[in-house]
Protein backbone atom coordinates (compact mmCIF):
# COMPACT_ATOMS: atom_id res chain seq x y z
CA UNK A 1 0.00 0.00 0.00
CA UNK A 2 1.11 3.54 -0.78
CA UNK A 3 0.31 6.52 1.44
CA UNK A 4 0.18 9.77 -0.56
CA UNK A 5 -0.05 12.85 1.65
CA UNK A 6 -0.44 16.46 0.57
CA UNK A 7 0.54 19.37 2.76
CA UNK A 8 -1.74 22.37 3.14
CA UNK A 9 -4.03 24.25 5.47
CA UNK A 10 -7.70 23.27 5.89
CA UNK A 11 -10.58 25.56 4.97
CA UNK A 12 -11.69 27.63 1.98
CA UNK A 13 -9.67 30.66 3.08
CA UNK A 14 -6.47 28.76 2.28
CA UNK A 15 -7.66 26.66 -0.66
CA UNK A 16 -5.87 28.63 -3.41
CA UNK A 17 -2.73 29.52 -1.42
CA UNK A 18 0.70 28.58 -2.75
CA UNK A 19 1.16 26.68 0.54
CA UNK A 20 -1.73 24.42 -0.51
CA UNK A 21 -0.34 23.15 -3.80
CA UNK A 22 0.31 19.83 -2.05
CA UNK A 23 -3.43 19.50 -1.37
CA UNK A 24 -4.14 20.48 -4.98
CA UNK A 25 -1.79 17.80 -6.32
CA UNK A 26 -3.25 14.94 -4.31
CA UNK A 27 -6.79 16.11 -5.14
CA UNK A 28 -5.91 15.85 -8.82
CA UNK A 29 -4.45 12.36 -8.35
CA UNK A 30 -7.64 11.28 -6.55
CA UNK A 31 -9.80 12.73 -9.33
CA UNK A 32 -7.73 11.25 -12.16
CA UNK A 33 -7.71 7.73 -10.68
CA UNK A 34 -11.29 7.66 -9.38
CA UNK A 35 -10.56 7.44 -5.67
CA UNK A 36 -13.40 7.19 -3.17
CA UNK A 37 -14.96 10.36 -1.79
CA UNK A 38 -12.87 11.74 1.08
CA UNK A 39 -13.91 11.01 4.64
CA UNK A 40 -12.59 12.04 8.03
CA UNK A 41 -9.85 9.68 9.26
CA UNK A 42 -6.57 10.17 11.08
CA UNK A 43 -7.39 13.85 11.71
CA UNK A 44 -7.36 14.19 7.93
CA UNK A 45 -9.51 13.88 4.86
CA UNK A 46 -8.69 10.45 3.46
CA UNK A 47 -9.55 8.86 0.11
CA UNK A 48 -8.89 5.26 -0.89
CA UNK A 49 -8.28 3.96 -4.37
CA UNK A 50 -5.95 2.19 -6.75
CA UNK A 51 -3.42 3.38 -9.30
CA UNK A 52 -2.82 1.14 -12.29
CA UNK A 53 0.77 0.14 -13.04
CA UNK A 54 2.23 -2.27 -15.62
CA UNK A 55 2.55 -4.83 -12.80
CA UNK A 56 -1.04 -4.40 -11.70
CA UNK A 57 -3.03 -1.96 -9.53
CA UNK A 58 -1.43 -0.51 -6.41
CA UNK A 59 -3.68 0.25 -3.47
CA UNK A 60 -3.23 3.80 -2.19
CA UNK A 61 -4.57 6.14 0.47
CA UNK A 62 -4.56 9.87 -0.19
CA UNK A 63 -4.32 11.96 2.95
CA UNK A 64 -4.93 15.68 3.49
CA UNK A 65 -4.09 16.44 7.14
CA UNK A 66 -6.54 18.85 8.77
CA UNK A 67 -4.12 19.69 11.59
CA UNK A 68 -2.75 22.77 9.79
CA UNK A 69 0.45 22.74 7.79
CA UNK A 70 3.00 22.95 10.59
CA UNK A 71 1.61 19.91 12.46
CA UNK A 72 1.02 17.69 9.42
CA UNK A 73 3.33 14.97 10.69
CA UNK A 74 1.14 13.97 13.62
CA UNK A 75 -1.75 13.05 11.33
CA UNK A 76 0.46 11.34 8.77
CA UNK A 77 2.08 9.25 11.51
CA UNK A 78 -1.34 8.01 12.67
CA UNK A 79 -2.15 6.65 9.20
CA UNK A 80 1.32 5.17 8.74
CA UNK A 81 1.05 3.34 12.07
CA UNK A 82 -2.51 2.13 11.43
CA UNK A 83 -1.56 0.47 8.13
CA UNK A 84 1.83 -0.71 9.47
CA UNK A 85 3.66 1.11 6.70
CA UNK A 86 7.30 2.15 6.49
CA UNK A 87 8.55 5.67 5.64
CA UNK A 88 9.46 4.32 2.19
CA UNK A 89 5.72 3.72 1.62
CA UNK A 90 4.99 7.43 2.17
CA UNK A 91 5.07 10.16 -0.50
CA UNK A 92 4.52 13.77 0.60
CA UNK A 93 3.57 16.44 -1.94
CA UNK A 94 4.39 19.99 -0.88
CA UNK A 95 5.37 23.48 -2.03
CA UNK A 96 9.07 24.19 -2.41
CA UNK A 97 10.07 27.87 -2.49
CA UNK A 98 13.66 26.98 -3.37
CA UNK A 99 12.52 25.58 -6.72
CA UNK A 100 11.49 27.91 -9.53
CA UNK A 101 7.76 28.08 -10.28
CA UNK A 102 6.61 25.00 -12.16
CA UNK A 103 9.71 22.91 -11.45
CA UNK A 104 9.26 19.46 -9.93
CA UNK A 105 11.71 17.29 -8.06
CA UNK A 106 11.55 13.98 -6.23
CA UNK A 107 13.89 13.07 -3.38
CA UNK A 108 14.02 10.66 -0.46
CA UNK A 109 15.23 11.81 2.93
CA UNK A 110 17.26 14.91 3.69
CA UNK A 111 16.57 17.98 5.76
CA UNK A 112 13.50 20.17 5.97
CA UNK A 113 15.08 23.27 4.37
CA UNK A 114 12.95 25.50 6.60
CA UNK A 115 9.65 23.81 5.67
CA UNK A 116 7.73 23.29 8.92
CA UNK A 117 5.39 20.70 7.45
CA UNK A 118 8.32 18.55 6.37
CA UNK A 119 10.04 19.15 9.70
CA UNK A 120 6.91 17.95 11.51
CA UNK A 121 6.63 14.86 9.30
CA UNK A 122 10.27 13.95 9.82
CA UNK A 123 9.89 14.41 13.59
CA UNK A 124 7.01 11.92 13.67
CA UNK A 125 8.02 9.30 11.09
CA UNK A 126 11.75 9.86 10.54
CA UNK A 127 13.38 11.57 7.57
CA UNK A 128 13.45 8.69 5.09
CA UNK A 129 10.15 9.28 3.31
CA UNK A 130 9.67 10.18 -0.36
CA UNK A 131 9.16 13.84 -1.18
CA UNK A 132 7.42 15.32 -4.20
CA UNK A 133 8.55 18.95 -4.32
CA UNK A 134 6.42 21.40 -6.30
CA UNK A 135 8.28 24.61 -7.07
CA UNK A 136 6.47 27.83 -6.21
CA UNK A 137 9.44 30.20 -6.30
CA UNK A 138 11.03 32.46 -3.71
CA UNK A 139 9.74 36.01 -3.21
CA UNK A 140 13.30 37.32 -3.11
CA UNK A 141 13.68 38.15 0.58
CA UNK A 142 13.24 35.95 3.64
CA UNK A 143 10.96 38.50 5.31
CA UNK A 144 8.49 38.11 2.44
CA UNK A 145 8.30 34.30 2.57
CA UNK A 146 5.39 34.06 5.04
CA UNK A 147 3.16 36.35 3.02
CA UNK A 148 4.23 34.70 -0.23
CA UNK A 149 3.30 31.14 0.72
CA UNK A 150 0.01 32.20 2.32
CA UNK A 151 -1.12 34.25 -0.67
CA UNK A 152 -3.21 32.87 -3.52
CA UNK A 153 -1.80 31.95 -6.88
CA UNK A 154 -2.38 34.74 -9.38
CA UNK A 155 -4.44 34.02 -12.47
CA UNK A 156 -1.29 34.24 -14.62
CA UNK A 157 0.38 31.53 -12.54
CA UNK A 158 -2.36 29.02 -13.29
CA UNK A 159 -0.88 28.55 -16.78
CA UNK A 160 1.83 26.43 -15.13
CA UNK A 161 0.03 25.31 -11.96
CA UNK A 162 -2.76 23.43 -13.74
CA UNK A 163 -0.53 21.51 -16.20
CA UNK A 164 1.84 20.60 -13.35
CA UNK A 165 -0.98 19.18 -11.24
CA UNK A 166 -2.36 17.23 -14.19
CA UNK A 167 1.09 15.86 -14.98
CA UNK A 168 1.54 14.69 -11.38
CA UNK A 169 -1.71 12.74 -11.72
CA UNK A 170 -1.16 11.36 -15.22
CA UNK A 171 2.33 10.08 -14.35
CA UNK A 172 1.18 8.53 -11.06
CA UNK A 173 1.68 4.90 -12.23
CA UNK A 174 5.43 5.52 -12.08
CA UNK A 175 5.08 6.91 -8.57
CA UNK A 176 3.02 3.92 -7.48
CA UNK A 177 5.65 1.59 -8.96
CA UNK A 178 8.37 3.26 -6.90
CA UNK A 179 10.10 4.68 -9.98
CA UNK A 180 10.73 8.14 -8.55
CA UNK A 181 13.38 9.26 -11.05
CA UNK A 182 11.20 8.22 -13.97
CA UNK A 183 8.19 9.87 -12.32
CA UNK A 184 10.08 13.15 -11.98
CA UNK A 185 11.20 13.01 -15.62
CA UNK A 186 7.70 12.20 -16.87
CA UNK A 187 6.07 15.02 -14.87
CA UNK A 188 8.56 17.51 -16.29
CA UNK A 189 8.08 16.10 -19.81
CA UNK A 190 4.32 16.52 -19.55
CA UNK A 191 4.54 19.97 -17.92
CA UNK A 192 7.87 21.57 -18.86
CA UNK A 193 8.54 24.62 -16.71
CA UNK A 194 9.26 27.88 -18.47
CA UNK A 195 12.23 29.92 -17.39
CA UNK A 196 10.81 32.96 -15.65
CA UNK A 197 11.50 35.47 -12.94
CA UNK A 198 9.64 34.16 -9.84
CA UNK A 199 9.21 37.71 -8.56
CA UNK A 200 7.33 38.66 -11.72
CA UNK A 201 5.20 35.53 -11.49
CA UNK A 202 4.40 36.31 -7.87
CA UNK A 203 3.08 39.68 -9.02
CA UNK A 204 0.99 38.00 -11.67
CA UNK A 205 3.08 39.35 -14.58
C-alpha atoms as a PDB file:
ATOM      1  CA  UNK A   1       0.000   0.000   0.000  1.00  0.00           C
ATOM      2  CA  UNK A   2       1.110   3.537  -0.776  1.00  0.00           C
ATOM      3  CA  UNK A   3       0.310   6.524   1.437  1.00  0.00           C
ATOM      4  CA  UNK A   4       0.179   9.767  -0.563  1.00  0.00           C
ATOM      5  CA  UNK A   5      -0.048  12.846   1.647  1.00  0.00           C
ATOM      6  CA  UNK A   6      -0.444  16.456   0.571  1.00  0.00           C
ATOM      7  CA  UNK A   7       0.540  19.369   2.761  1.00  0.00           C
ATOM      8  CA  UNK A   8      -1.736  22.374   3.135  1.00  0.00           C
ATOM      9  CA  UNK A   9      -4.031  24.249   5.465  1.00  0.00           C
ATOM     10  CA  UNK A  10      -7.696  23.270   5.887  1.00  0.00           C
ATOM     11  CA  UNK A  11     -10.578  25.557   4.971  1.00  0.00           C
ATOM     12  CA  UNK A  12     -11.690  27.629   1.979  1.00  0.00           C
ATOM     13  CA  UNK A  13      -9.666  30.660   3.084  1.00  0.00           C
ATOM     14  CA  UNK A  14      -6.466  28.764   2.277  1.00  0.00           C
ATOM     15  CA  UNK A  15      -7.655  26.661  -0.661  1.00  0.00           C
ATOM     16  CA  UNK A  16      -5.868  28.632  -3.408  1.00  0.00           C
ATOM     17  CA  UNK A  17      -2.728  29.517  -1.424  1.00  0.00           C
ATOM     18  CA  UNK A  18       0.701  28.581  -2.747  1.00  0.00           C
ATOM     19  CA  UNK A  19       1.161  26.676   0.536  1.00  0.00           C
ATOM     20  CA  UNK A  20      -1.725  24.419  -0.515  1.00  0.00           C
ATOM     21  CA  UNK A  21      -0.343  23.152  -3.801  1.00  0.00           C
ATOM     22  CA  UNK A  22       0.309  19.828  -2.046  1.00  0.00           C
ATOM     23  CA  UNK A  23      -3.430  19.501  -1.367  1.00  0.00           C
ATOM     24  CA  UNK A  24      -4.143  20.480  -4.976  1.00  0.00           C
ATOM     25  CA  UNK A  25      -1.787  17.803  -6.317  1.00  0.00           C
ATOM     26  CA  UNK A  26      -3.254  14.937  -4.306  1.00  0.00           C
ATOM     27  CA  UNK A  27      -6.791  16.108  -5.138  1.00  0.00           C
ATOM     28  CA  UNK A  28      -5.915  15.846  -8.820  1.00  0.00           C
ATOM     29  CA  UNK A  29      -4.454  12.358  -8.351  1.00  0.00           C
ATOM     30  CA  UNK A  30      -7.641  11.277  -6.548  1.00  0.00           C
ATOM     31  CA  UNK A  31      -9.800  12.732  -9.335  1.00  0.00           C
ATOM     32  CA  UNK A  32      -7.729  11.246 -12.158  1.00  0.00           C
ATOM     33  CA  UNK A  33      -7.712   7.735 -10.681  1.00  0.00           C
ATOM     34  CA  UNK A  34     -11.293   7.659  -9.382  1.00  0.00           C
ATOM     35  CA  UNK A  35     -10.563   7.435  -5.665  1.00  0.00           C
ATOM     36  CA  UNK A  36     -13.404   7.190  -3.173  1.00  0.00           C
ATOM     37  CA  UNK A  37     -14.956  10.357  -1.795  1.00  0.00           C
ATOM     38  CA  UNK A  38     -12.866  11.737   1.079  1.00  0.00           C
ATOM     39  CA  UNK A  39     -13.908  11.008   4.637  1.00  0.00           C
ATOM     40  CA  UNK A  40     -12.591  12.042   8.029  1.00  0.00           C
ATOM     41  CA  UNK A  41      -9.855   9.680   9.265  1.00  0.00           C
ATOM     42  CA  UNK A  42      -6.566  10.166  11.083  1.00  0.00           C
ATOM     43  CA  UNK A  43      -7.392  13.851  11.706  1.00  0.00           C
ATOM     44  CA  UNK A  44      -7.365  14.188   7.935  1.00  0.00           C
ATOM     45  CA  UNK A  45      -9.514  13.881   4.862  1.00  0.00           C
ATOM     46  CA  UNK A  46      -8.689  10.450   3.459  1.00  0.00           C
ATOM     47  CA  UNK A  47      -9.553   8.859   0.106  1.00  0.00           C
ATOM     48  CA  UNK A  48      -8.890   5.261  -0.887  1.00  0.00           C
ATOM     49  CA  UNK A  49      -8.283   3.962  -4.372  1.00  0.00           C
ATOM     50  CA  UNK A  50      -5.955   2.192  -6.753  1.00  0.00           C
ATOM     51  CA  UNK A  51      -3.420   3.377  -9.302  1.00  0.00           C
ATOM     52  CA  UNK A  52      -2.819   1.136 -12.290  1.00  0.00           C
ATOM     53  CA  UNK A  53       0.774   0.143 -13.044  1.00  0.00           C
ATOM     54  CA  UNK A  54       2.231  -2.274 -15.623  1.00  0.00           C
ATOM     55  CA  UNK A  55       2.550  -4.830 -12.798  1.00  0.00           C
ATOM     56  CA  UNK A  56      -1.045  -4.404 -11.699  1.00  0.00           C
ATOM     57  CA  UNK A  57      -3.027  -1.964  -9.529  1.00  0.00           C
ATOM     58  CA  UNK A  58      -1.427  -0.514  -6.414  1.00  0.00           C
ATOM     59  CA  UNK A  59      -3.682   0.247  -3.466  1.00  0.00           C
ATOM     60  CA  UNK A  60      -3.230   3.798  -2.188  1.00  0.00           C
ATOM     61  CA  UNK A  61      -4.566   6.138   0.467  1.00  0.00           C
ATOM     62  CA  UNK A  62      -4.563   9.866  -0.190  1.00  0.00           C
ATOM     63  CA  UNK A  63      -4.318  11.960   2.946  1.00  0.00           C
ATOM     64  CA  UNK A  64      -4.929  15.676   3.488  1.00  0.00           C
ATOM     65  CA  UNK A  65      -4.093  16.442   7.138  1.00  0.00           C
ATOM     66  CA  UNK A  66      -6.541  18.851   8.765  1.00  0.00           C
ATOM     67  CA  UNK A  67      -4.116  19.691  11.589  1.00  0.00           C
ATOM     68  CA  UNK A  68      -2.750  22.772   9.794  1.00  0.00           C
ATOM     69  CA  UNK A  69       0.447  22.737   7.789  1.00  0.00           C
ATOM     70  CA  UNK A  70       2.997  22.952  10.594  1.00  0.00           C
ATOM     71  CA  UNK A  71       1.607  19.907  12.456  1.00  0.00           C
ATOM     72  CA  UNK A  72       1.017  17.689   9.422  1.00  0.00           C
ATOM     73  CA  UNK A  73       3.332  14.970  10.691  1.00  0.00           C
ATOM     74  CA  UNK A  74       1.140  13.973  13.625  1.00  0.00           C
ATOM     75  CA  UNK A  75      -1.753  13.050  11.333  1.00  0.00           C
ATOM     76  CA  UNK A  76       0.461  11.339   8.768  1.00  0.00           C
ATOM     77  CA  UNK A  77       2.077   9.255  11.508  1.00  0.00           C
ATOM     78  CA  UNK A  78      -1.340   8.007  12.667  1.00  0.00           C
ATOM     79  CA  UNK A  79      -2.147   6.654   9.198  1.00  0.00           C
ATOM     80  CA  UNK A  80       1.319   5.172   8.741  1.00  0.00           C
ATOM     81  CA  UNK A  81       1.046   3.344  12.072  1.00  0.00           C
ATOM     82  CA  UNK A  82      -2.507   2.128  11.427  1.00  0.00           C
ATOM     83  CA  UNK A  83      -1.558   0.468   8.131  1.00  0.00           C
ATOM     84  CA  UNK A  84       1.831  -0.712   9.474  1.00  0.00           C
ATOM     85  CA  UNK A  85       3.665   1.111   6.696  1.00  0.00           C
ATOM     86  CA  UNK A  86       7.301   2.152   6.492  1.00  0.00           C
ATOM     87  CA  UNK A  87       8.548   5.666   5.637  1.00  0.00           C
ATOM     88  CA  UNK A  88       9.460   4.315   2.187  1.00  0.00           C
ATOM     89  CA  UNK A  89       5.716   3.722   1.616  1.00  0.00           C
ATOM     90  CA  UNK A  90       4.995   7.431   2.169  1.00  0.00           C
ATOM     91  CA  UNK A  91       5.071  10.158  -0.502  1.00  0.00           C
ATOM     92  CA  UNK A  92       4.517  13.769   0.605  1.00  0.00           C
ATOM     93  CA  UNK A  93       3.570  16.443  -1.943  1.00  0.00           C
ATOM     94  CA  UNK A  94       4.388  19.990  -0.878  1.00  0.00           C
ATOM     95  CA  UNK A  95       5.366  23.478  -2.025  1.00  0.00           C
ATOM     96  CA  UNK A  96       9.069  24.193  -2.408  1.00  0.00           C
ATOM     97  CA  UNK A  97      10.070  27.866  -2.490  1.00  0.00           C
ATOM     98  CA  UNK A  98      13.664  26.982  -3.369  1.00  0.00           C
ATOM     99  CA  UNK A  99      12.518  25.579  -6.716  1.00  0.00           C
ATOM    100  CA  UNK A 100      11.491  27.908  -9.531  1.00  0.00           C
ATOM    101  CA  UNK A 101       7.761  28.079 -10.282  1.00  0.00           C
ATOM    102  CA  UNK A 102       6.613  24.996 -12.160  1.00  0.00           C
ATOM    103  CA  UNK A 103       9.709  22.914 -11.449  1.00  0.00           C
ATOM    104  CA  UNK A 104       9.259  19.461  -9.935  1.00  0.00           C
ATOM    105  CA  UNK A 105      11.711  17.290  -8.058  1.00  0.00           C
ATOM    106  CA  UNK A 106      11.551  13.978  -6.227  1.00  0.00           C
ATOM    107  CA  UNK A 107      13.890  13.070  -3.376  1.00  0.00           C
ATOM    108  CA  UNK A 108      14.023  10.665  -0.459  1.00  0.00           C
ATOM    109  CA  UNK A 109      15.233  11.807   2.927  1.00  0.00           C
ATOM    110  CA  UNK A 110      17.263  14.907   3.686  1.00  0.00           C
ATOM    111  CA  UNK A 111      16.571  17.980   5.765  1.00  0.00           C
ATOM    112  CA  UNK A 112      13.495  20.173   5.967  1.00  0.00           C
ATOM    113  CA  UNK A 113      15.083  23.274   4.374  1.00  0.00           C
ATOM    114  CA  UNK A 114      12.952  25.498   6.595  1.00  0.00           C
ATOM    115  CA  UNK A 115       9.650  23.806   5.669  1.00  0.00           C
ATOM    116  CA  UNK A 116       7.733  23.293   8.916  1.00  0.00           C
ATOM    117  CA  UNK A 117       5.386  20.696   7.451  1.00  0.00           C
ATOM    118  CA  UNK A 118       8.324  18.554   6.374  1.00  0.00           C
ATOM    119  CA  UNK A 119      10.040  19.151   9.696  1.00  0.00           C
ATOM    120  CA  UNK A 120       6.905  17.955  11.506  1.00  0.00           C
ATOM    121  CA  UNK A 121       6.631  14.864   9.301  1.00  0.00           C
ATOM    122  CA  UNK A 122      10.273  13.949   9.824  1.00  0.00           C
ATOM    123  CA  UNK A 123       9.890  14.413  13.587  1.00  0.00           C
ATOM    124  CA  UNK A 124       7.008  11.921  13.666  1.00  0.00           C
ATOM    125  CA  UNK A 125       8.025   9.297  11.094  1.00  0.00           C
ATOM    126  CA  UNK A 126      11.748   9.856  10.537  1.00  0.00           C
ATOM    127  CA  UNK A 127      13.381  11.573   7.565  1.00  0.00           C
ATOM    128  CA  UNK A 128      13.454   8.690   5.087  1.00  0.00           C
ATOM    129  CA  UNK A 129      10.149   9.281   3.307  1.00  0.00           C
ATOM    130  CA  UNK A 130       9.673  10.180  -0.361  1.00  0.00           C
ATOM    131  CA  UNK A 131       9.163  13.843  -1.178  1.00  0.00           C
ATOM    132  CA  UNK A 132       7.417  15.323  -4.205  1.00  0.00           C
ATOM    133  CA  UNK A 133       8.553  18.951  -4.318  1.00  0.00           C
ATOM    134  CA  UNK A 134       6.418  21.398  -6.297  1.00  0.00           C
ATOM    135  CA  UNK A 135       8.284  24.606  -7.067  1.00  0.00           C
ATOM    136  CA  UNK A 136       6.468  27.832  -6.206  1.00  0.00           C
ATOM    137  CA  UNK A 137       9.443  30.197  -6.302  1.00  0.00           C
ATOM    138  CA  UNK A 138      11.027  32.456  -3.711  1.00  0.00           C
ATOM    139  CA  UNK A 139       9.736  36.009  -3.210  1.00  0.00           C
ATOM    140  CA  UNK A 140      13.295  37.317  -3.107  1.00  0.00           C
ATOM    141  CA  UNK A 141      13.678  38.148   0.578  1.00  0.00           C
ATOM    142  CA  UNK A 142      13.243  35.950   3.640  1.00  0.00           C
ATOM    143  CA  UNK A 143      10.957  38.503   5.310  1.00  0.00           C
ATOM    144  CA  UNK A 144       8.489  38.106   2.442  1.00  0.00           C
ATOM    145  CA  UNK A 145       8.300  34.302   2.567  1.00  0.00           C
ATOM    146  CA  UNK A 146       5.388  34.058   5.041  1.00  0.00           C
ATOM    147  CA  UNK A 147       3.161  36.353   3.021  1.00  0.00           C
ATOM    148  CA  UNK A 148       4.229  34.704  -0.227  1.00  0.00           C
ATOM    149  CA  UNK A 149       3.302  31.145   0.715  1.00  0.00           C
ATOM    150  CA  UNK A 150       0.008  32.204   2.322  1.00  0.00           C
ATOM    151  CA  UNK A 151      -1.123  34.250  -0.674  1.00  0.00           C
ATOM    152  CA  UNK A 152      -3.209  32.874  -3.524  1.00  0.00           C
ATOM    153  CA  UNK A 153      -1.802  31.949  -6.882  1.00  0.00           C
ATOM    154  CA  UNK A 154      -2.382  34.741  -9.383  1.00  0.00           C
ATOM    155  CA  UNK A 155      -4.439  34.018 -12.473  1.00  0.00           C
ATOM    156  CA  UNK A 156      -1.290  34.238 -14.622  1.00  0.00           C
ATOM    157  CA  UNK A 157       0.378  31.533 -12.544  1.00  0.00           C
ATOM    158  CA  UNK A 158      -2.361  29.018 -13.291  1.00  0.00           C
ATOM    159  CA  UNK A 159      -0.883  28.550 -16.776  1.00  0.00           C
ATOM    160  CA  UNK A 160       1.833  26.435 -15.134  1.00  0.00           C
ATOM    161  CA  UNK A 161       0.029  25.305 -11.957  1.00  0.00           C
ATOM    162  CA  UNK A 162      -2.763  23.428 -13.736  1.00  0.00           C
ATOM    163  CA  UNK A 163      -0.533  21.511 -16.196  1.00  0.00           C
ATOM    164  CA  UNK A 164       1.838  20.599 -13.355  1.00  0.00           C
ATOM    165  CA  UNK A 165      -0.983  19.184 -11.239  1.00  0.00           C
ATOM    166  CA  UNK A 166      -2.361  17.232 -14.189  1.00  0.00           C
ATOM    167  CA  UNK A 167       1.095  15.857 -14.976  1.00  0.00           C
ATOM    168  CA  UNK A 168       1.542  14.689 -11.378  1.00  0.00           C
ATOM    169  CA  UNK A 169      -1.706  12.739 -11.725  1.00  0.00           C
ATOM    170  CA  UNK A 170      -1.157  11.364 -15.224  1.00  0.00           C
ATOM    171  CA  UNK A 171       2.325  10.084 -14.352  1.00  0.00           C
ATOM    172  CA  UNK A 172       1.176   8.525 -11.060  1.00  0.00           C
ATOM    173  CA  UNK A 173       1.680   4.900 -12.230  1.00  0.00           C
ATOM    174  CA  UNK A 174       5.433   5.521 -12.084  1.00  0.00           C
ATOM    175  CA  UNK A 175       5.084   6.910  -8.569  1.00  0.00           C
ATOM    176  CA  UNK A 176       3.021   3.916  -7.482  1.00  0.00           C
ATOM    177  CA  UNK A 177       5.645   1.594  -8.963  1.00  0.00           C
ATOM    178  CA  UNK A 178       8.372   3.255  -6.897  1.00  0.00           C
ATOM    179  CA  UNK A 179      10.097   4.684  -9.980  1.00  0.00           C
ATOM    180  CA  UNK A 180      10.733   8.141  -8.547  1.00  0.00           C
ATOM    181  CA  UNK A 181      13.384   9.263 -11.045  1.00  0.00           C
ATOM    182  CA  UNK A 182      11.198   8.218 -13.969  1.00  0.00           C
ATOM    183  CA  UNK A 183       8.191   9.873 -12.323  1.00  0.00           C
ATOM    184  CA  UNK A 184      10.083  13.151 -11.985  1.00  0.00           C
ATOM    185  CA  UNK A 185      11.195  13.005 -15.617  1.00  0.00           C
ATOM    186  CA  UNK A 186       7.699  12.204 -16.866  1.00  0.00           C
ATOM    187  CA  UNK A 187       6.075  15.016 -14.866  1.00  0.00           C
ATOM    188  CA  UNK A 188       8.557  17.511 -16.293  1.00  0.00           C
ATOM    189  CA  UNK A 189       8.077  16.103 -19.811  1.00  0.00           C
ATOM    190  CA  UNK A 190       4.315  16.524 -19.549  1.00  0.00           C
ATOM    191  CA  UNK A 191       4.541  19.969 -17.915  1.00  0.00           C
ATOM    192  CA  UNK A 192       7.868  21.569 -18.860  1.00  0.00           C
ATOM    193  CA  UNK A 193       8.544  24.620 -16.710  1.00  0.00           C
ATOM    194  CA  UNK A 194       9.257  27.879 -18.473  1.00  0.00           C
ATOM    195  CA  UNK A 195      12.226  29.918 -17.392  1.00  0.00           C
ATOM    196  CA  UNK A 196      10.811  32.962 -15.651  1.00  0.00           C
ATOM    197  CA  UNK A 197      11.504  35.474 -12.940  1.00  0.00           C
ATOM    198  CA  UNK A 198       9.637  34.165  -9.844  1.00  0.00           C
ATOM    199  CA  UNK A 199       9.206  37.712  -8.563  1.00  0.00           C
ATOM    200  CA  UNK A 200       7.326  38.656 -11.715  1.00  0.00           C
ATOM    201  CA  UNK A 201       5.197  35.528 -11.493  1.00  0.00           C
ATOM    202  CA  UNK A 202       4.397  36.308  -7.866  1.00  0.00           C
ATOM    203  CA  UNK A 203       3.077  39.675  -9.019  1.00  0.00           C
ATOM    204  CA  UNK A 204       0.990  37.999 -11.672  1.00  0.00           C
ATOM    205  CA  UNK A 205       3.075  39.354 -14.576  1.00  0.00           C
END
